[in-house]
Amino acid sequence: MAENIPDVLKILLVCKDKERFARFAMREKVSHAEAERRVLQRENHVLAKIKKIHGRDDIFAPNHYNMVIDTTGKDPQEILQQVIDKLT
């Protein structure tokens, strides 16, 4: 949503579905199947809301971002270091 704002570092964080569901299941203490259902439901809800408010459904298009980070298998420190490297 900030692609037309100069001097803003726009970062898209992505993760393989299998890991997204596993992280959610562990965090929420639910089964993998329940995690998958809830993550996809939440994602669809957010996308529908953005479409309704902003009239667009391309918020995950990499071309809107300065940087795309795949967080699969990475810890927060690794991700932070990638952002710092981009800023310096």
N, C-alpha and C. Protein backbone atom coordinates (compact mmCIF):
# COMPACT_ATOMS: atom_id res chain seq x y z
N MET A 1 0.81 -1.20 0.00
CA MET A 1 0.00 0.00 0.00
C MET A 1 0.85 1.26 0.00
N ALA A 2 2.16 1.10 0.15
CA ALA A 2 3.03 2.26 0.24
C ALA A 2 3.95 2.37 -0.97
N GLU A 3 3.58 1.73 -2.07
CA GLU A 3 4.50 1.74 -3.21
C GLU A 3 4.76 3.12 -3.79
N ASN A 4 3.89 4.06 -3.55
CA ASN A 4 4.08 5.42 -4.06
C ASN A 4 4.66 6.38 -3.03
N ILE A 5 5.09 5.85 -1.91
CA ILE A 5 5.67 6.68 -0.87
C ILE A 5 7.19 6.53 -0.94
N PRO A 6 7.90 7.60 -1.29
CA PRO A 6 9.36 7.50 -1.40
C PRO A 6 10.02 7.30 -0.04
N ASP A 7 11.20 6.74 -0.07
CA ASP A 7 12.03 6.57 1.13
C ASP A 7 11.41 5.66 2.19
N VAL A 8 10.52 4.79 1.78
CA VAL A 8 9.96 3.80 2.69
C VAL A 8 10.45 2.43 2.21
N LEU A 9 11.10 1.69 3.10
CA LEU A 9 11.54 0.35 2.75
C LEU A 9 10.35 -0.59 2.89
N LYS A 10 9.94 -1.15 1.78
CA LYS A 10 8.78 -2.03 1.76
C LYS A 10 9.28 -3.47 1.68
N ILE A 11 8.92 -4.27 2.69
CA ILE A 11 9.42 -5.63 2.81
C ILE A 11 8.24 -6.60 2.82
N LEU A 12 8.32 -7.62 1.98
CA LEU A 12 7.33 -8.69 1.97
C LEU A 12 7.99 -9.92 2.59
N LEU A 13 7.39 -10.42 3.66
CA LEU A 13 7.87 -11.64 4.29
C LEU A 13 7.01 -12.79 3.79
N VAL A 14 7.67 -13.82 3.26
CA VAL A 14 6.97 -15.00 2.77
C VAL A 14 7.53 -16.22 3.48
N CYS A 15 6.77 -17.31 3.44
CA CYS A 15 7.18 -18.55 4.09
C CYS A 15 6.45 -19.70 3.42
N LYS A 16 7.10 -20.82 3.30
CA LYS A 16 6.47 -22.00 2.72
C LYS A 16 5.27 -22.39 3.59
N ASP A 17 4.18 -22.80 2.93
CA ASP A 17 2.95 -23.13 3.66
C ASP A 17 3.17 -24.15 4.76
N LYS A 18 3.92 -25.20 4.48
CA LYS A 18 4.13 -26.24 5.48
C LYS A 18 4.69 -25.66 6.78
N GLU A 19 5.64 -24.75 6.66
CA GLU A 19 6.22 -24.13 7.86
C GLU A 19 5.25 -23.13 8.50
N ARG A 20 4.53 -22.38 7.66
CA ARG A 20 3.53 -21.45 8.22
C ARG A 20 2.54 -22.19 9.10
N PHE A 21 2.04 -23.32 8.60
CA PHE A 21 1.05 -24.09 9.34
C PHE A 21 1.67 -24.69 10.60
N ALA A 22 2.90 -25.17 10.50
CA ALA A 22 3.58 -25.76 11.66
C ALA A 22 3.82 -24.71 12.74
N ARG A 23 4.25 -23.52 12.35
CA ARG A 23 4.46 -22.44 13.32
C ARG A 23 3.17 -22.09 14.03
N PHE A 24 2.10 -21.96 13.25
CA PHE A 24 0.80 -21.61 13.84
C PHE A 24 0.34 -22.72 14.79
N ALA A 25 0.47 -23.98 14.36
CA ALA A 25 0.03 -25.10 15.19
C ALA A 25 0.78 -25.10 16.52
N MET A 26 2.07 -24.85 16.48
CA MET A 26 2.87 -24.84 17.71
C MET A 26 2.48 -23.65 18.59
N ARG A 27 2.34 -22.49 17.98
CA ARG A 27 2.02 -21.29 18.75
C ARG A 27 0.64 -21.37 19.40
N GLU A 28 -0.33 -21.88 18.63
CA GLU A 28 -1.71 -21.91 19.12
C GLU A 28 -2.09 -23.24 19.77
N LYS A 29 -1.14 -24.20 19.74
CA LYS A 29 -1.37 -25.53 20.32
C LYS A 29 -2.61 -26.20 19.72
N VAL A 30 -2.62 -26.26 18.39
CA VAL A 30 -3.70 -26.93 17.65
C VAL A 30 -3.08 -27.94 16.69
N SER A 31 -3.90 -28.78 16.12
CA SER A 31 -3.41 -29.78 15.16
C SER A 31 -2.95 -29.09 13.88
N HIS A 32 -2.18 -29.82 13.10
CA HIS A 32 -1.71 -29.28 11.82
C HIS A 32 -2.90 -28.97 10.91
N ALA A 33 -3.88 -29.85 10.88
CA ALA A 33 -5.06 -29.63 10.03
C ALA A 33 -5.82 -28.39 10.47
N GLU A 34 -5.98 -28.21 11.77
CA GLU A 34 -6.68 -27.02 12.29
C GLU A 34 -5.87 -25.77 11.99
N ALA A 35 -4.57 -25.87 12.13
CA ALA A 35 -3.71 -24.71 11.83
C ALA A 35 -3.85 -24.31 10.36
N GLU A 36 -3.80 -25.29 9.48
CA GLU A 36 -3.94 -25.00 8.05
C GLU A 36 -5.28 -24.32 7.77
N ARG A 37 -6.34 -24.86 8.33
CA ARG A 37 -7.68 -24.29 8.12
C ARG A 37 -7.74 -22.85 8.61
N ARG A 38 -7.22 -22.59 9.81
CA ARG A 38 -7.30 -21.25 10.39
C ARG A 38 -6.40 -20.25 9.69
N VAL A 39 -5.21 -20.67 9.30
CA VAL A 39 -4.29 -19.77 8.59
C VAL A 39 -4.89 -19.36 7.25
N LEU A 40 -5.40 -20.31 6.51
CA LEU A 40 -5.98 -19.99 5.20
C LEU A 40 -7.25 -19.15 5.35
N GLN A 41 -8.04 -19.43 6.36
CA GLN A 41 -9.24 -18.64 6.63
C GLN A 41 -8.86 -17.20 6.95
N ARG A 42 -7.87 -17.03 7.80
CA ARG A 42 -7.41 -15.68 8.17
C ARG A 42 -6.87 -14.94 6.95
N GLU A 43 -6.08 -15.64 6.16
CA GLU A 43 -5.51 -15.03 4.96
C GLU A 43 -6.61 -14.57 3.99
N ASN A 44 -7.59 -15.43 3.78
CA ASN A 44 -8.70 -15.07 2.89
C ASN A 44 -9.50 -13.89 3.44
N HIS A 45 -9.67 -13.85 4.74
CA HIS A 45 -10.40 -12.74 5.37
C HIS A 45 -9.65 -11.42 5.16
N VAL A 46 -8.33 -11.45 5.39
CA VAL A 46 -7.52 -10.23 5.22
C VAL A 46 -7.55 -9.77 3.77
N LEU A 47 -7.40 -10.69 2.84
CA LEU A 47 -7.41 -10.33 1.43
C LEU A 47 -8.76 -9.74 1.01
N ALA A 48 -9.84 -10.33 1.49
CA ALA A 48 -11.18 -9.81 1.17
C ALA A 48 -11.37 -8.41 1.76
N LYS A 49 -10.89 -8.20 2.95
CA LYS A 49 -11.01 -6.89 3.61
C LYS A 49 -10.22 -5.83 2.84
N ILE A 50 -9.01 -6.15 2.44
CA ILE A 50 -8.19 -5.20 1.68
C ILE A 50 -8.83 -4.92 0.33
N LYS A 51 -9.38 -5.93 -0.28
CA LYS A 51 -10.06 -5.75 -1.57
C LYS A 51 -11.26 -4.80 -1.40
N LYS A 52 -12.00 -4.98 -0.33
CA LYS A 52 -13.18 -4.14 -0.08
C LYS A 52 -12.77 -2.70 0.22
N ILE A 53 -11.76 -2.51 1.05
CA ILE A 53 -11.35 -1.17 1.47
C ILE A 53 -10.56 -0.45 0.38
N HIS A 54 -9.59 -1.15 -0.21
CA HIS A 54 -8.66 -0.51 -1.14
C HIS A 54 -8.90 -0.86 -2.61
N GLY A 55 -9.80 -1.80 -2.87
CA GLY A 55 -10.12 -2.16 -4.24
C GLY A 55 -8.99 -2.87 -4.97
N ARG A 56 -8.16 -3.59 -4.23
CA ARG A 56 -7.06 -4.30 -4.88
C ARG A 56 -6.80 -5.63 -4.19
N ASP A 57 -6.29 -6.56 -4.95
CA ASP A 57 -6.02 -7.89 -4.40
C ASP A 57 -4.60 -8.35 -4.71
N ASP A 58 -3.73 -7.40 -4.93
CA ASP A 58 -2.35 -7.72 -5.32
C ASP A 58 -1.32 -7.37 -4.24
N ILE A 59 -1.73 -7.38 -2.99
CA ILE A 59 -0.81 -6.93 -1.95
C ILE A 59 0.39 -7.85 -1.76
N PHE A 60 0.30 -9.07 -2.23
CA PHE A 60 1.44 -9.98 -2.10
C PHE A 60 2.28 -10.05 -3.37
N ALA A 61 2.05 -9.15 -4.31
CA ALA A 61 2.84 -9.11 -5.54
C ALA A 61 4.23 -8.56 -5.21
N PRO A 62 5.28 -9.32 -5.47
CA PRO A 62 6.64 -8.89 -5.11
C PRO A 62 7.06 -7.56 -5.73
N ASN A 63 6.49 -7.20 -6.86
CA ASN A 63 6.90 -5.94 -7.51
C ASN A 63 6.50 -4.70 -6.71
N HIS A 64 5.69 -4.85 -5.69
CA HIS A 64 5.31 -3.71 -4.84
C HIS A 64 6.31 -3.48 -3.70
N TYR A 65 7.31 -4.31 -3.61
CA TYR A 65 8.23 -4.29 -2.47
C TYR A 65 9.66 -4.06 -2.92
N ASN A 66 10.46 -3.45 -2.03
CA ASN A 66 11.89 -3.28 -2.28
C ASN A 66 12.65 -4.57 -1.99
N MET A 67 12.05 -5.39 -1.16
CA MET A 67 12.74 -6.58 -0.67
C MET A 67 11.73 -7.66 -0.34
N VAL A 68 12.04 -8.89 -0.72
CA VAL A 68 11.22 -10.04 -0.37
C VAL A 68 12.12 -11.00 0.40
N ILE A 69 11.68 -11.37 1.59
CA ILE A 69 12.46 -12.27 2.43
C ILE A 69 11.66 -13.55 2.66
N ASP A 70 12.25 -14.68 2.29
CA ASP A 70 11.65 -15.97 2.59
C ASP A 70 12.10 -16.35 4.00
N THR A 71 11.16 -16.39 4.94
CA THR A 71 11.49 -16.64 6.33
C THR A 71 11.55 -18.13 6.66
N THR A 72 11.28 -18.99 5.68
CA THR A 72 11.31 -20.43 5.91
C THR A 72 12.68 -20.83 6.46
N GLY A 73 12.68 -21.47 7.61
CA GLY A 73 13.91 -21.97 8.20
C GLY A 73 14.81 -20.90 8.80
N LYS A 74 14.33 -19.68 8.90
CA LYS A 74 15.15 -18.60 9.45
C LYS A 74 14.61 -18.17 10.80
N ASP A 75 15.53 -17.73 11.66
CA ASP A 75 15.10 -17.18 12.93
C ASP A 75 15.02 -15.66 12.80
N PRO A 76 14.38 -15.00 13.76
CA PRO A 76 14.21 -13.54 13.66
C PRO A 76 15.51 -12.77 13.48
N GLN A 77 16.59 -13.22 14.10
CA GLN A 77 17.87 -12.51 13.97
C GLN A 77 18.39 -12.54 12.52
N GLU A 78 18.22 -13.68 11.85
CA GLU A 78 18.65 -13.78 10.45
C GLU A 78 17.85 -12.82 9.57
N ILE A 79 16.57 -12.74 9.83
CA ILE A 79 15.70 -11.86 9.05
C ILE A 79 16.08 -10.40 9.30
N LEU A 80 16.27 -10.06 10.57
CA LEU A 80 16.68 -8.71 10.92
C LEU A 80 17.99 -8.34 10.23
N GLN A 81 18.93 -9.27 10.21
CA GLN A 81 20.22 -8.99 9.58
C GLN A 81 20.06 -8.71 8.10
N GLN A 82 19.16 -9.41 7.43
CA GLN A 82 18.91 -9.14 6.01
C GLN A 82 18.38 -7.72 5.81
N VAL A 83 17.50 -7.29 6.70
CA VAL A 83 16.95 -5.93 6.60
C VAL A 83 18.05 -4.91 6.86
N ILE A 84 18.85 -5.13 7.88
CA ILE A 84 19.95 -4.21 8.18
C ILE A 84 20.91 -4.14 7.01
N ASP A 85 21.23 -5.28 6.41
CA ASP A 85 22.12 -5.30 5.25
C ASP A 85 21.55 -4.47 4.10
N LYS A 86 20.24 -4.54 3.93
CA LYS A 86 19.59 -3.77 2.86
C LYS A 86 19.68 -2.27 3.14
N LEU A 87 19.60 -1.90 4.40
CA LEU A 87 19.61 -0.49 4.79
C LEU A 87 21.01 0.13 4.75
N THR A 88 22.02 -0.70 4.82
CA THR A 88 23.39 -0.16 4.86
C THR A 88 24.07 -0.25 3.50
